[in-house]
Amino acid sequence: GAKTCPTGWNKFSCSCYFLSTKSGSWDEGRKDCITRGADLVVINDKEEQVLFANEAAWIGLIDKETEGSWKWVDGTSMTLSFWGDDQPDNWKGDEDCGQYINKRWNDLSCVASLKWICEKLPPWSA
């Protein structure tokens, strides 16, 4: 069977992507993705990076455990990076969550209110 994405999700390469319509904290976004059988997006390549060119949204990147040690929600370390100029800057010592903005990344306070991007593998259709 072919792999298709659920309604409202965009297929790209091997994954399905969902951009939320509502906004909330990084944790709220992550919870919402998990209830959809997904998680916050993990960006592994340049093509994936430009999918949401004009959006500002949470991505699955966090350095809560160790300041400056950025990890993806799937447990992998950040290898590729698309930080904006002078980012991450941990402004006011309170920026532990990754935001996607203007095709770049920024570190932002985790309680800021943003849309979020979920990613999951497409289910096999019967």
PDB file of N, CA and C in Angstrom:
ATOM      1  N   GLY A   1       0.821  -1.204   0.000  1.00  0.00           N
ATOM      2  CA  GLY A   1       0.000   0.000   0.000  1.00  0.00           C
ATOM      3  C   GLY A   1       0.855   1.254   0.000  1.00  0.00           C
ATOM      4  N   ALA A   2       0.296   2.344  -0.436  1.00  0.00           N
ATOM      5  CA  ALA A   2       1.028   3.612  -0.454  1.00  0.00           C
ATOM      6  C   ALA A   2       0.950   4.274   0.916  1.00  0.00           C
ATOM      7  N   LYS A   3       1.965   5.064   1.194  1.00  0.00           N
ATOM      8  CA  LYS A   3       1.933   5.805   2.451  1.00  0.00           C
ATOM      9  C   LYS A   3       1.311   7.168   2.188  1.00  0.00           C
ATOM     10  N   THR A   4       0.235   7.447   2.879  1.00  0.00           N
ATOM     11  CA  THR A   4      -0.387   8.758   2.729  1.00  0.00           C
ATOM     12  C   THR A   4      -0.494   9.417   4.092  1.00  0.00           C
ATOM     13  N   CYS A   5      -0.571  10.732   4.095  1.00  0.00           N
ATOM     14  CA  CYS A   5      -0.665  11.467   5.346  1.00  0.00           C
ATOM     15  C   CYS A   5      -2.122  11.762   5.667  1.00  0.00           C
ATOM     16  N   PRO A   6      -2.438  11.862   6.957  1.00  0.00           N
ATOM     17  CA  PRO A   6      -3.809  12.197   7.349  1.00  0.00           C
ATOM     18  C   PRO A   6      -4.215  13.569   6.793  1.00  0.00           C
ATOM     19  N   THR A   7      -5.506  13.799   6.707  1.00  0.00           N
ATOM     20  CA  THR A   7      -6.022  15.088   6.250  1.00  0.00           C
ATOM     21  C   THR A   7      -5.461  16.216   7.110  1.00  0.00           C
ATOM     22  N   GLY A   8      -5.035  17.273   6.463  1.00  0.00           N
ATOM     23  CA  GLY A   8      -4.499  18.404   7.220  1.00  0.00           C
ATOM     24  C   GLY A   8      -2.996  18.347   7.421  1.00  0.00           C
ATOM     25  N   TRP A   9      -2.393  17.212   7.029  1.00  0.00           N
ATOM     26  CA  TRP A   9      -0.944  17.056   7.149  1.00  0.00           C
ATOM     27  C   TRP A   9      -0.316  17.161   5.763  1.00  0.00           C
ATOM     28  N   ASN A  10       0.896  17.703   5.703  1.00  0.00           N
ATOM     29  CA  ASN A  10       1.623  17.774   4.429  1.00  0.00           C
ATOM     30  C   ASN A  10       2.641  16.661   4.351  1.00  0.00           C
ATOM     31  N   LYS A  11       2.703  15.997   3.198  1.00  0.00           N
ATOM     32  CA  LYS A  11       3.721  14.958   3.035  1.00  0.00           C
ATOM     33  C   LYS A  11       4.961  15.563   2.387  1.00  0.00           C
ATOM     34  N   PHE A  12       6.095  15.230   2.934  1.00  0.00           N
ATOM     35  CA  PHE A  12       7.358  15.633   2.323  1.00  0.00           C
ATOM     36  C   PHE A  12       8.367  14.544   2.603  1.00  0.00           C
ATOM     37  N   SER A  13       9.052  14.086   1.562  1.00  0.00           N
ATOM     38  CA  SER A  13      10.034  13.020   1.730  1.00  0.00           C
ATOM     39  C   SER A  13       9.358  11.853   2.442  1.00  0.00           C
ATOM     40  N   CYS A  14       9.871  11.428   3.587  1.00  0.00           N
ATOM     41  CA  CYS A  14       9.298  10.242   4.250  1.00  0.00           C
ATOM     42  C   CYS A  14       8.404  10.587   5.433  1.00  0.00           C
ATOM     43  N   SER A  15       8.117  11.843   5.645  1.00  0.00           N
ATOM     44  CA  SER A  15       7.360  12.232   6.836  1.00  0.00           C
ATOM     45  C   SER A  15       6.097  13.012   6.507  1.00  0.00           C
ATOM     46  N   CYS A  16       5.242  13.115   7.531  1.00  0.00           N
ATOM     47  CA  CYS A  16       4.054  13.960   7.452  1.00  0.00           C
ATOM     48  C   CYS A  16       4.246  15.127   8.424  1.00  0.00           C
ATOM     49  N   TYR A  17       3.841  16.302   7.988  1.00  0.00           N
ATOM     50  CA  TYR A  17       4.029  17.501   8.808  1.00  0.00           C
ATOM     51  C   TYR A  17       2.701  18.186   9.047  1.00  0.00           C
ATOM     52  N   PHE A  18       2.566  18.749  10.236  1.00  0.00           N
ATOM     53  CA  PHE A  18       1.336  19.431  10.611  1.00  0.00           C
ATOM     54  C   PHE A  18       1.698  20.762  11.250  1.00  0.00           C
ATOM     55  N   LEU A  19       1.118  21.831  10.731  1.00  0.00           N
ATOM     56  CA  LEU A  19       1.318  23.144  11.337  1.00  0.00           C
ATOM     57  C   LEU A  19       0.058  23.477  12.115  1.00  0.00           C
ATOM     58  N   SER A  20       0.201  23.754  13.394  1.00  0.00           N
ATOM     59  CA  SER A  20      -0.977  24.020  14.221  1.00  0.00           C
ATOM     60  C   SER A  20      -1.656  25.317  13.800  1.00  0.00           C
ATOM     61  N   THR A  21      -2.936  25.411  14.102  1.00  0.00           N
ATOM     62  CA  THR A  21      -3.655  26.656  13.839  1.00  0.00           C
ATOM     63  C   THR A  21      -3.658  27.499  15.108  1.00  0.00           C
ATOM     64  N   LYS A  22      -3.579  26.830  16.261  1.00  0.00           N
ATOM     65  CA  LYS A  22      -3.554  27.593  17.507  1.00  0.00           C
ATOM     66  C   LYS A  22      -2.122  27.789  17.993  1.00  0.00           C
ATOM     67  N   SER A  23      -1.967  28.618  19.005  1.00  0.00           N
ATOM     68  CA  SER A  23      -0.647  28.903  19.558  1.00  0.00           C
ATOM     69  C   SER A  23      -0.593  28.505  21.027  1.00  0.00           C
ATOM     70  N   GLY A  24       0.614  28.276  21.513  1.00  0.00           N
ATOM     71  CA  GLY A  24       0.788  27.932  22.918  1.00  0.00           C
ATOM     72  C   GLY A  24       2.263  27.807  23.238  1.00  0.00           C
ATOM     73  N   SER A  25       2.559  27.358  24.450  1.00  0.00           N
ATOM     74  CA  SER A  25       3.947  27.177  24.873  1.00  0.00           C
ATOM     75  C   SER A  25       4.559  25.978  24.151  1.00  0.00           C
ATOM     76  N   TRP A  26       5.878  25.834  24.281  1.00  0.00           N
ATOM     77  CA  TRP A  26       6.580  24.692  23.675  1.00  0.00           C
ATOM     78  C   TRP A  26       6.000  23.384  24.214  1.00  0.00           C
ATOM     79  N   ASP A  27       5.784  23.324  25.538  1.00  0.00           N
ATOM     80  CA  ASP A  27       5.240  22.103  26.150  1.00  0.00           C
ATOM     81  C   ASP A  27       3.836  21.789  25.636  1.00  0.00           C
ATOM     82  N   GLU A  28       3.018  22.820  25.498  1.00  0.00           N
ATOM     83  CA  GLU A  28       1.660  22.608  24.972  1.00  0.00           C
ATOM     84  C   GLU A  28       1.721  22.089  23.541  1.00  0.00           C
ATOM     85  N   GLY A  29       2.618  22.665  22.762  1.00  0.00           N
ATOM     86  CA  GLY A  29       2.790  22.213  21.389  1.00  0.00           C
ATOM     87  C   GLY A  29       3.217  20.766  21.330  1.00  0.00           C
ATOM     88  N   ARG A  30       4.178  20.427  22.180  1.00  0.00           N
ATOM     89  CA  ARG A  30       4.675  19.053  22.185  1.00  0.00           C
ATOM     90  C   ARG A  30       3.566  18.075  22.577  1.00  0.00           C
ATOM     91  N   LYS A  31       2.791  18.440  23.608  1.00  0.00           N
ATOM     92  CA  LYS A  31       1.677  17.589  24.043  1.00  0.00           C
ATOM     93  C   LYS A  31       0.686  17.381  22.904  1.00  0.00           C
ATOM     94  N   ASP A  32       0.378  18.456  22.199  1.00  0.00           N
ATOM     95  CA  ASP A  32      -0.570  18.370  21.091  1.00  0.00           C
ATOM     96  C   ASP A  32      -0.043  17.430  20.007  1.00  0.00           C
ATOM     97  N   CYS A  33       1.238  17.561  19.677  1.00  0.00           N
ATOM     98  CA  CYS A  33       1.828  16.669  18.669  1.00  0.00           C
ATOM     99  C   CYS A  33       1.715  15.212  19.114  1.00  0.00           C
ATOM    100  N   ILE A  34       2.022  14.965  20.391  1.00  0.00           N
ATOM    101  CA  ILE A  34       2.004  13.592  20.908  1.00  0.00           C
ATOM    102  C   ILE A  34       0.585  13.020  20.854  1.00  0.00           C
ATOM    103  N   THR A  35      -0.433  13.844  21.155  1.00  0.00           N
ATOM    104  CA  THR A  35      -1.810  13.338  21.058  1.00  0.00           C
ATOM    105  C   THR A  35      -2.169  13.016  19.608  1.00  0.00           C
ATOM    106  N   ARG A  36      -1.463  13.602  18.670  1.00  0.00           N
ATOM    107  CA  ARG A  36      -1.696  13.311  17.250  1.00  0.00           C
ATOM    108  C   ARG A  36      -0.813  12.168  16.756  1.00  0.00           C
ATOM    109  N   GLY A  37      -0.156  11.484  17.682  1.00  0.00           N
ATOM    110  CA  GLY A  37       0.707  10.369  17.295  1.00  0.00           C
ATOM    111  C   GLY A  37       2.003  10.835  16.661  1.00  0.00           C
ATOM    112  N   ALA A  38       2.403  12.058  16.983  1.00  0.00           N
ATOM    113  CA  ALA A  38       3.593  12.649  16.373  1.00  0.00           C
ATOM    114  C   ALA A  38       4.489  13.224  17.469  1.00  0.00           C
ATOM    115  N   ASP A  39       5.428  14.060  17.084  1.00  0.00           N
ATOM    116  CA  ASP A  39       6.225  14.831  18.035  1.00  0.00           C
ATOM    117  C   ASP A  39       6.608  16.125  17.327  1.00  0.00           C
ATOM    118  N   LEU A  40       7.173  17.050  18.062  1.00  0.00           N
ATOM    119  CA  LEU A  40       7.629  18.281  17.414  1.00  0.00           C
ATOM    120  C   LEU A  40       8.653  17.934  16.345  1.00  0.00           C
ATOM    121  N   VAL A  41       8.683  18.703  15.287  1.00  0.00           N
ATOM    122  CA  VAL A  41       9.518  18.399  14.130  1.00  0.00           C
ATOM    123  C   VAL A  41      11.008  18.337  14.473  1.00  0.00           C
ATOM    124  N   VAL A  42      11.677  17.342  13.901  1.00  0.00           N
ATOM    125  CA  VAL A  42      13.138  17.212  13.969  1.00  0.00           C
ATOM    126  C   VAL A  42      13.639  17.510  12.558  1.00  0.00           C
ATOM    127  N   ILE A  43      14.466  18.526  12.428  1.00  0.00           N
ATOM    128  CA  ILE A  43      14.924  18.951  11.099  1.00  0.00           C
ATOM    129  C   ILE A  43      16.291  18.344  10.800  1.00  0.00           C
ATOM    130  N   ASN A  44      16.312  17.460   9.804  1.00  0.00           N
ATOM    131  CA  ASN A  44      17.540  16.712   9.505  1.00  0.00           C
ATOM    132  C   ASN A  44      18.270  17.173   8.258  1.00  0.00           C
ATOM    133  N   ASP A  45      17.620  17.968   7.427  1.00  0.00           N
ATOM    134  CA  ASP A  45      18.302  18.383   6.204  1.00  0.00           C
ATOM    135  C   ASP A  45      17.789  19.727   5.706  1.00  0.00           C
ATOM    136  N   LYS A  46      18.508  20.244   4.749  1.00  0.00           N
ATOM    137  CA  LYS A  46      18.229  21.591   4.243  1.00  0.00           C
ATOM    138  C   LYS A  46      16.860  21.695   3.579  1.00  0.00           C
ATOM    139  N   GLU A  47      16.445  20.615   2.913  1.00  0.00           N
ATOM    140  CA  GLU A  47      15.155  20.631   2.231  1.00  0.00           C
ATOM    141  C   GLU A  47      14.018  20.756   3.250  1.00  0.00           C
ATOM    142  N   GLU A  48      14.169  19.997   4.331  1.00  0.00           N
ATOM    143  CA  GLU A  48      13.153  20.016   5.379  1.00  0.00           C
ATOM    144  C   GLU A  48      13.093  21.405   6.023  1.00  0.00           C
ATOM    145  N   GLN A  49      14.237  22.043   6.077  1.00  0.00           N
ATOM    146  CA  GLN A  49      14.380  23.333   6.727  1.00  0.00           C
ATOM    147  C   GLN A  49      13.543  24.438   6.079  1.00  0.00           C
ATOM    148  N   VAL A  50      13.306  24.338   4.759  1.00  0.00           N
ATOM    149  CA  VAL A  50      12.599  25.437   4.089  1.00  0.00           C
ATOM    150  C   VAL A  50      11.110  25.164   3.856  1.00  0.00           C
ATOM    151  N   LEU A  51      10.628  24.055   4.407  1.00  0.00           N
ATOM    152  CA  LEU A  51       9.225  23.679   4.218  1.00  0.00           C
ATOM    153  C   LEU A  51       8.246  24.746   4.686  1.00  0.00           C
ATOM    154  N   PHE A  52       8.587  25.399   5.783  1.00  0.00           N
ATOM    155  CA  PHE A  52       7.639  26.322   6.411  1.00  0.00           C
ATOM    156  C   PHE A  52       8.163  27.745   6.357  1.00  0.00           C
ATOM    157  N   ALA A  53       8.698  28.085   5.180  1.00  0.00           N
ATOM    158  CA  ALA A  53       9.453  29.319   5.001  1.00  0.00           C
ATOM    159  C   ALA A  53       8.920  30.555   5.730  1.00  0.00           C
ATOM    160  N   ASN A  54       7.615  30.783   5.675  1.00  0.00           N
ATOM    161  CA  ASN A  54       7.128  32.053   6.219  1.00  0.00           C
ATOM    162  C   ASN A  54       6.507  31.956   7.603  1.00  0.00           C
ATOM    163  N   GLU A  55       6.678  30.820   8.245  1.00  0.00           N
ATOM    164  CA  GLU A  55       6.057  30.644   9.550  1.00  0.00           C
ATOM    165  C   GLU A  55       7.027  30.949  10.689  1.00  0.00           C
ATOM    166  N   ALA A  56       6.445  31.253  11.838  1.00  0.00           N
ATOM    167  CA  ALA A  56       7.212  31.288  13.088  1.00  0.00           C
ATOM    168  C   ALA A  56       6.572  30.219  13.966  1.00  0.00           C
ATOM    169  N   ALA A  57       7.331  29.205  14.345  1.00  0.00           N
ATOM    170  CA  ALA A  57       6.721  28.077  15.050  1.00  0.00           C
ATOM    171  C   ALA A  57       7.743  27.334  15.896  1.00  0.00           C
ATOM    172  N   TRP A  58       7.238  26.616  16.895  1.00  0.00           N
ATOM    173  CA  TRP A  58       8.105  25.766  17.717  1.00  0.00           C
ATOM    174  C   TRP A  58       8.601  24.581  16.904  1.00  0.00           C
ATOM    175  N   ILE A  59       9.860  24.208  17.131  1.00  0.00           N
ATOM    176  CA  ILE A  59      10.405  22.965  16.583  1.00  0.00           C
ATOM    177  C   ILE A  59      10.920  22.131  17.755  1.00  0.00           C
ATOM    178  N   GLY A  60      11.225  20.864  17.495  1.00  0.00           N
ATOM    179  CA  GLY A  60      11.580  19.940  18.568  1.00  0.00           C
ATOM    180  C   GLY A  60      13.010  20.039  19.053  1.00  0.00           C
ATOM    181  N   LEU A  61      13.440  21.246  19.350  1.00  0.00           N
ATOM    182  CA  LEU A  61      14.825  21.485  19.753  1.00  0.00           C
ATOM    183  C   LEU A  61      14.821  22.153  21.117  1.00  0.00           C
ATOM    184  N   ILE A  62      15.654  21.629  22.044  1.00  0.00           N
ATOM    185  CA  ILE A  62      15.616  22.136  23.413  1.00  0.00           C
ATOM    186  C   ILE A  62      16.991  22.002  24.074  1.00  0.00           C
ATOM    187  N   ASP A  63      17.341  22.967  24.926  1.00  0.00           N
ATOM    188  CA  ASP A  63      18.595  22.815  25.694  1.00  0.00           C
ATOM    189  C   ASP A  63      18.343  22.997  27.186  1.00  0.00           C
ATOM    190  N   LYS A  64      17.159  22.529  27.625  1.00  0.00           N
ATOM    191  CA  LYS A  64      16.758  22.660  29.029  1.00  0.00           C
ATOM    192  C   LYS A  64      17.705  21.933  29.974  1.00  0.00           C
ATOM    193  N   GLU A  65      18.110  20.714  29.585  1.00  0.00           N
ATOM    194  CA  GLU A  65      18.953  19.901  30.473  1.00  0.00           C
ATOM    195  C   GLU A  65      20.294  20.559  30.728  1.00  0.00           C
ATOM    196  N   THR A  66      20.985  20.915  29.656  1.00  0.00           N
ATOM    197  CA  THR A  66      22.299  21.536  29.772  1.00  0.00           C
ATOM    198  C   THR A  66      22.336  22.742  28.860  1.00  0.00           C
ATOM    199  N   GLU A  67      22.518  23.913  29.443  1.00  0.00           N
ATOM    200  CA  GLU A  67      22.554  25.142  28.648  1.00  0.00           C
ATOM    201  C   GLU A  67      23.598  25.034  27.542  1.00  0.00           C
ATOM    202  N   GLY A  68      23.180  25.301  26.319  1.00  0.00           N
ATOM    203  CA  GLY A  68      24.121  25.285  25.201  1.00  0.00           C
ATOM    204  C   GLY A  68      24.252  23.937  24.524  1.00  0.00           C
ATOM    205  N   SER A  69      23.694  22.883  25.179  1.00  0.00           N
ATOM    206  CA  SER A  69      23.743  21.557  24.570  1.00  0.00           C
ATOM    207  C   SER A  69      22.360  21.247  23.981  1.00  0.00           C
ATOM    208  N   TRP A  70      22.195  21.598  22.722  1.00  0.00           N
ATOM    209  CA  TRP A  70      20.882  21.466  22.077  1.00  0.00           C
ATOM    210  C   TRP A  70      20.634  20.036  21.619  1.00  0.00           C
ATOM    211  N   LYS A  71      19.440  19.535  21.940  1.00  0.00           N
ATOM    212  CA  LYS A  71      19.060  18.182  21.538  1.00  0.00           C
ATOM    213  C   LYS A  71      17.681  18.209  20.901  1.00  0.00           C
ATOM    214  N   TRP A  72      17.463  17.232  20.020  1.00  0.00           N
ATOM    215  CA  TRP A  72      16.142  17.076  19.417  1.00  0.00           C
ATOM    216  C   TRP A  72      15.272  16.220  20.319  1.00  0.00           C
ATOM    217  N   VAL A  73      13.950  16.334  20.158  1.00  0.00           N
ATOM    218  CA  VAL A  73      13.029  15.560  20.988  1.00  0.00           C
ATOM    219  C   VAL A  73      13.168  14.056  20.792  1.00  0.00           C
ATOM    220  N   ASP A  74      13.760  13.616  19.680  1.00  0.00           N
ATOM    221  CA  ASP A  74      13.951  12.170  19.492  1.00  0.00           C
ATOM    222  C   ASP A  74      15.245  11.693  20.151  1.00  0.00           C
ATOM    223  N   GLY A  75      15.913  12.591  20.892  1.00  0.00           N
ATOM    224  CA  GLY A  75      17.110  12.206  21.640  1.00  0.00           C
ATOM    225  C   GLY A  75      18.409  12.415  20.885  1.00  0.00           C
ATOM    226  N   THR A  76      18.324  12.751  19.596  1.00  0.00           N
ATOM    227  CA  THR A  76      19.548  12.943  18.823  1.00  0.00           C
ATOM    228  C   THR A  76      20.134  14.326  19.084  1.00  0.00           C
ATOM    229  N   SER A  77      21.441  14.427  18.950  1.00  0.00           N
ATOM    230  CA  SER A  77      22.088  15.721  19.106  1.00  0.00           C
ATOM    231  C   SER A  77      21.914  16.524  17.825  1.00  0.00           C
ATOM    232  N   MET A  78      21.988  17.822  17.960  1.00  0.00           N
ATOM    233  CA  MET A  78      21.872  18.689  16.800  1.00  0.00           C
ATOM    234  C   MET A  78      23.171  18.618  16.009  1.00  0.00           C
ATOM    235  N   THR A  79      23.104  18.182  14.758  1.00  0.00           N
ATOM    236  CA  THR A  79      24.312  18.137  13.935  1.00  0.00           C
ATOM    237  C   THR A  79      24.280  19.278  12.927  1.00  0.00           C
ATOM    238  N   LEU A  80      23.222  19.319  12.137  1.00  0.00           N
ATOM    239  CA  LEU A  80      23.040  20.458  11.229  1.00  0.00           C
ATOM    240  C   LEU A  80      22.480  21.603  12.039  1.00  0.00           C
ATOM    241  N   SER A  81      22.837  22.825  11.708  1.00  0.00           N
ATOM    242  CA  SER A  81      22.172  23.908  12.412  1.00  0.00           C
ATOM    243  C   SER A  81      21.898  25.077  11.490  1.00  0.00           C
ATOM    244  N   PHE A  82      20.786  25.709  11.740  1.00  0.00           N
ATOM    245  CA  PHE A  82      20.336  26.828  10.914  1.00  0.00           C
ATOM    246  C   PHE A  82      20.023  28.033  11.802  1.00  0.00           C
ATOM    247  N   TRP A  83      20.866  28.259  12.796  1.00  0.00           N
ATOM    248  CA  TRP A  83      20.642  29.383  13.706  1.00  0.00           C
ATOM    249  C   TRP A  83      20.722  30.701  12.955  1.00  0.00           C
ATOM    250  N   GLY A  84      19.921  31.659  13.386  1.00  0.00           N
ATOM    251  CA  GLY A  84      20.007  33.008  12.835  1.00  0.00           C
ATOM    252  C   GLY A  84      21.286  33.675  13.325  1.00  0.00           C
ATOM    253  N   ASP A  85      21.585  34.848  12.794  1.00  0.00           N
ATOM    254  CA  ASP A  85      22.771  35.586  13.221  1.00  0.00           C
ATOM    255  C   ASP A  85      22.719  35.831  14.726  1.00  0.00           C
ATOM    256  N   ASP A  86      23.856  35.608  15.383  1.00  0.00           N
ATOM    257  CA  ASP A  86      23.978  35.838  16.827  1.00  0.00           C
ATOM    258  C   ASP A  86      23.032  34.983  17.670  1.00  0.00           C
ATOM    259  N   GLN A  87      22.586  33.875  17.136  1.00  0.00           N
ATOM    260  CA  GLN A  87      21.728  32.953  17.900  1.00  0.00           C
ATOM    261  C   GLN A  87      22.432  31.605  18.010  1.00  0.00           C
ATOM    262  N   PRO A  88      22.182  30.776  19.012  1.00  0.00           N
ATOM    263  CA  PRO A  88      21.315  31.068  20.163  1.00  0.00           C
ATOM    264  C   PRO A  88      22.019  32.001  21.151  1.00  0.00           C
ATOM    265  N   ASP A  89      21.259  32.888  21.786  1.00  0.00           N
ATOM    266  CA  ASP A  89      21.900  33.841  22.696  1.00  0.00           C
ATOM    267  C   ASP A  89      21.453  33.704  24.148  1.00  0.00           C
ATOM    268  N   ASN A  90      20.485  32.778  24.417  1.00  0.00           N
ATOM    269  CA  ASN A  90      20.002  32.582  25.786  1.00  0.00           C
ATOM    270  C   ASN A  90      19.698  33.917  26.457  1.00  0.00           C
ATOM    271  N   TRP A  91      19.031  34.781  25.738  1.00  0.00           N
ATOM    272  CA  TRP A  91      18.707  36.124  26.215  1.00  0.00           C
ATOM    273  C   TRP A  91      18.022  36.083  27.575  1.00  0.00           C
ATOM    274  N   LYS A  92      18.505  36.870  28.516  1.00  0.00           N
ATOM    275  CA  LYS A  92      17.993  36.898  29.897  1.00  0.00           C
ATOM    276  C   LYS A  92      18.128  35.535  30.581  1.00  0.00           C
ATOM    277  N   GLY A  93      18.963  34.650  30.032  1.00  0.00           N
ATOM    278  CA  GLY A  93      19.181  33.341  30.663  1.00  0.00           C
ATOM    279  C   GLY A  93      17.966  32.448  30.658  1.00  0.00           C
ATOM    280  N   ASP A  94      17.041  32.720  29.764  1.00  0.00           N
ATOM    281  CA  ASP A  94      15.752  32.048  29.857  1.00  0.00           C
ATOM    282  C   ASP A  94      15.268  31.506  28.518  1.00  0.00           C
ATOM    283  N   GLU A  95      16.182  31.192  27.608  1.00  0.00           N
ATOM    284  CA  GLU A  95      15.720  30.738  26.300  1.00  0.00           C
ATOM    285  C   GLU A  95      16.211  29.324  26.018  1.00  0.00           C
ATOM    286  N   ASP A  96      15.345  28.353  26.291  1.00  0.00           N
ATOM    287  CA  ASP A  96      15.757  26.953  26.191  1.00  0.00           C
ATOM    288  C   ASP A  96      15.042  26.177  25.091  1.00  0.00           C
ATOM    289  N   CYS A  97      14.160  26.833  24.357  1.00  0.00           N
ATOM    290  CA  CYS A  97      13.385  26.121  23.345  1.00  0.00           C
ATOM    291  C   CYS A  97      13.620  26.699  21.956  1.00  0.00           C
ATOM    292  N   GLY A  98      13.572  25.808  20.961  1.00  0.00           N
ATOM    293  CA  GLY A  98      13.873  26.206  19.589  1.00  0.00           C
ATOM    294  C   GLY A  98      12.660  26.713  18.834  1.00  0.00           C
ATOM    295  N   GLN A  99      12.839  27.848  18.185  1.00  0.00           N
ATOM    296  CA  GLN A  99      11.804  28.454  17.355  1.00  0.00           C
ATOM    297  C   GLN A  99      12.300  28.524  15.918  1.00  0.00           C
ATOM    298  N   TYR A 100      11.391  28.251  14.990  1.00  0.00           N
ATOM    299  CA  TYR A 100      11.682  28.383  13.562  1.00  0.00           C
ATOM    300  C   TYR A 100      11.135  29.729  13.125  1.00  0.00           C
ATOM    301  N   ILE A 101      11.966  30.562  12.521  1.00  0.00           N
ATOM    302  CA  ILE A 101      11.489  31.866  12.056  1.00  0.00           C
ATOM    303  C   ILE A 101      12.300  32.324  10.846  1.00  0.00           C
ATOM    304  N   ASN A 102      11.611  32.725   9.786  1.00  0.00           N
ATOM    305  CA  ASN A 102      12.290  33.198   8.566  1.00  0.00           C
ATOM    306  C   ASN A 102      13.375  32.249   8.061  1.00  0.00           C
ATOM    307  N   LYS A 103      13.067  30.959   8.025  1.00  0.00           N
ATOM    308  CA  LYS A 103      14.003  29.918   7.561  1.00  0.00           C
ATOM    309  C   LYS A 103      15.234  29.789   8.447  1.00  0.00           C
ATOM    310  N   ARG A 104      15.183  30.337   9.629  1.00  0.00           N
ATOM    311  CA  ARG A 104      16.301  30.236  10.572  1.00  0.00           C
ATOM    312  C   ARG A 104      15.769  29.757  11.912  1.00  0.00           C
ATOM    313  N   TRP A 105      16.682  29.474  12.842  1.00  0.00           N
ATOM    314  CA  TRP A 105      16.269  29.092  14.183  1.00  0.00           C
ATOM    315  C   TRP A 105      16.629  30.191  15.163  1.00  0.00           C
ATOM    316  N   ASN A 106      15.859  30.249  16.223  1.00  0.00           N
ATOM    317  CA  ASN A 106      16.106  31.186  17.304  1.00  0.00           C
ATOM    318  C   ASN A 106      15.827  30.448  18.606  1.00  0.00           C
ATOM    319  N   ASP A 107      16.533  30.822  19.679  1.00  0.00           N
ATOM    320  CA  ASP A 107      16.172  30.250  20.980  1.00  0.00           C
ATOM    321  C   ASP A 107      15.247  31.236  21.673  1.00  0.00           C
ATOM    322  N   LEU A 108      14.219  30.689  22.298  1.00  0.00           N
ATOM    323  CA  LEU A 108      13.148  31.513  22.841  1.00  0.00           C
ATOM    324  C   LEU A 108      12.706  30.940  24.177  1.00  0.00           C
ATOM    325  N   SER A 109      12.131  31.793  25.022  1.00  0.00           N
ATOM    326  CA  SER A 109      11.568  31.309  26.279  1.00  0.00           C
ATOM    327  C   SER A 109      10.488  30.275  25.972  1.00  0.00           C
ATOM    328  N   CYS A 110      10.536  29.152  26.679  1.00  0.00           N
ATOM    329  CA  CYS A 110       9.638  28.024  26.391  1.00  0.00           C
ATOM    330  C   CYS A 110       8.170  28.340  26.660  1.00  0.00           C
ATOM    331  N   VAL A 111       7.896  29.424  27.380  1.00  0.00           N
ATOM    332  CA  VAL A 111       6.501  29.754  27.682  1.00  0.00           C
ATOM    333  C   VAL A 111       5.931  30.780  26.707  1.00  0.00           C
ATOM    334  N   ALA A 112       6.745  31.212  25.744  1.00  0.00           N
ATOM    335  CA  ALA A 112       6.223  32.115  24.712  1.00  0.00           C
ATOM    336  C   ALA A 112       5.102  31.401  23.959  1.00  0.00           C
ATOM    337  N   SER A 113       4.219  32.160  23.357  1.00  0.00           N
ATOM    338  CA  SER A 113       3.092  31.565  22.638  1.00  0.00           C
ATOM    339  C   SER A 113       3.349  31.575  21.134  1.00  0.00           C
ATOM    340  N   LEU A 114       3.432  30.381  20.570  1.00  0.00           N
ATOM    341  CA  LEU A 114       3.712  30.224  19.144  1.00  0.00           C
ATOM    342  C   LEU A 114       2.887  29.083  18.586  1.00  0.00           C
ATOM    343  N   LYS A 115       2.767  29.040  17.266  1.00  0.00           N
ATOM    344  CA  LYS A 115       2.262  27.828  16.617  1.00  0.00           C
ATOM    345  C   LYS A 115       3.358  26.772  16.730  1.00  0.00           C
ATOM    346  N   TRP A 116       3.081  25.569  16.325  1.00  0.00           N
ATOM    347  CA  TRP A 116       4.099  24.522  16.361  1.00  0.00           C
ATOM    348  C   TRP A 116       3.973  23.630  15.138  1.00  0.00           C
ATOM    349  N   ILE A 117       5.064  22.918  14.866  1.00  0.00           N
ATOM    350  CA  ILE A 117       5.102  22.005  13.723  1.00  0.00           C
ATOM    351  C   ILE A 117       5.319  20.587  14.244  1.00  0.00           C
ATOM    352  N   CYS A 118       4.383  19.695  13.924  1.00  0.00           N
ATOM    353  CA  CYS A 118       4.518  18.286  14.308  1.00  0.00           C
ATOM    354  C   CYS A 118       5.027  17.488  13.106  1.00  0.00           C
ATOM    355  N   GLU A 119       5.683  16.376  13.420  1.00  0.00           N
ATOM    356  CA  GLU A 119       6.173  15.482  12.364  1.00  0.00           C
ATOM    357  C   GLU A 119       5.903  14.047  12.771  1.00  0.00           C
ATOM    358  N   LYS A 120       5.423  13.244  11.831  1.00  0.00           N
ATOM    359  CA  LYS A 120       5.298  11.809  12.088  1.00  0.00           C
ATOM    360  C   LYS A 120       5.466  11.039  10.788  1.00  0.00           C
ATOM    361  N   LEU A 121       5.730   9.759  10.923  1.00  0.00           N
ATOM    362  CA  LEU A 121       5.815   8.901   9.748  1.00  0.00           C
ATOM    363  C   LEU A 121       4.399   8.594   9.284  1.00  0.00           C
ATOM    364  N   PRO A 122       4.182   8.568   7.981  1.00  0.00           N
ATOM    365  CA  PRO A 122       2.833   8.281   7.502  1.00  0.00           C
ATOM    366  C   PRO A 122       2.434   6.851   7.831  1.00  0.00           C
ATOM    367  N   PRO A 123       1.166   6.650   8.208  1.00  0.00           N
ATOM    368  CA  PRO A 123       0.709   5.278   8.443  1.00  0.00           C
ATOM    369  C   PRO A 123       0.607   4.553   7.104  1.00  0.00           C
ATOM    370  N   TRP A 124       0.810   3.265   7.135  1.00  0.00           N
ATOM    371  CA  TRP A 124       0.602   2.483   5.902  1.00  0.00           C
ATOM    372  C   TRP A 124      -0.884   2.442   5.629  1.00  0.00           C
ATOM    373  N   SER A 125      -1.271   2.771   4.427  1.00  0.00           N
ATOM    374  CA  SER A 125      -2.696   2.664   4.115  1.00  0.00           C
ATOM    375  C   SER A 125      -2.979   1.242   3.641  1.00  0.00           C
ATOM    376  N   ALA A 126      -4.181   0.795   3.914  1.00  0.00           N
ATOM    377  CA  ALA A 126      -4.539  -0.582   3.565  1.00  0.00           C
ATOM    378  C   ALA A 126      -4.640  -0.753   2.056  1.00  0.00           C
TER     379      ALA A 126
END
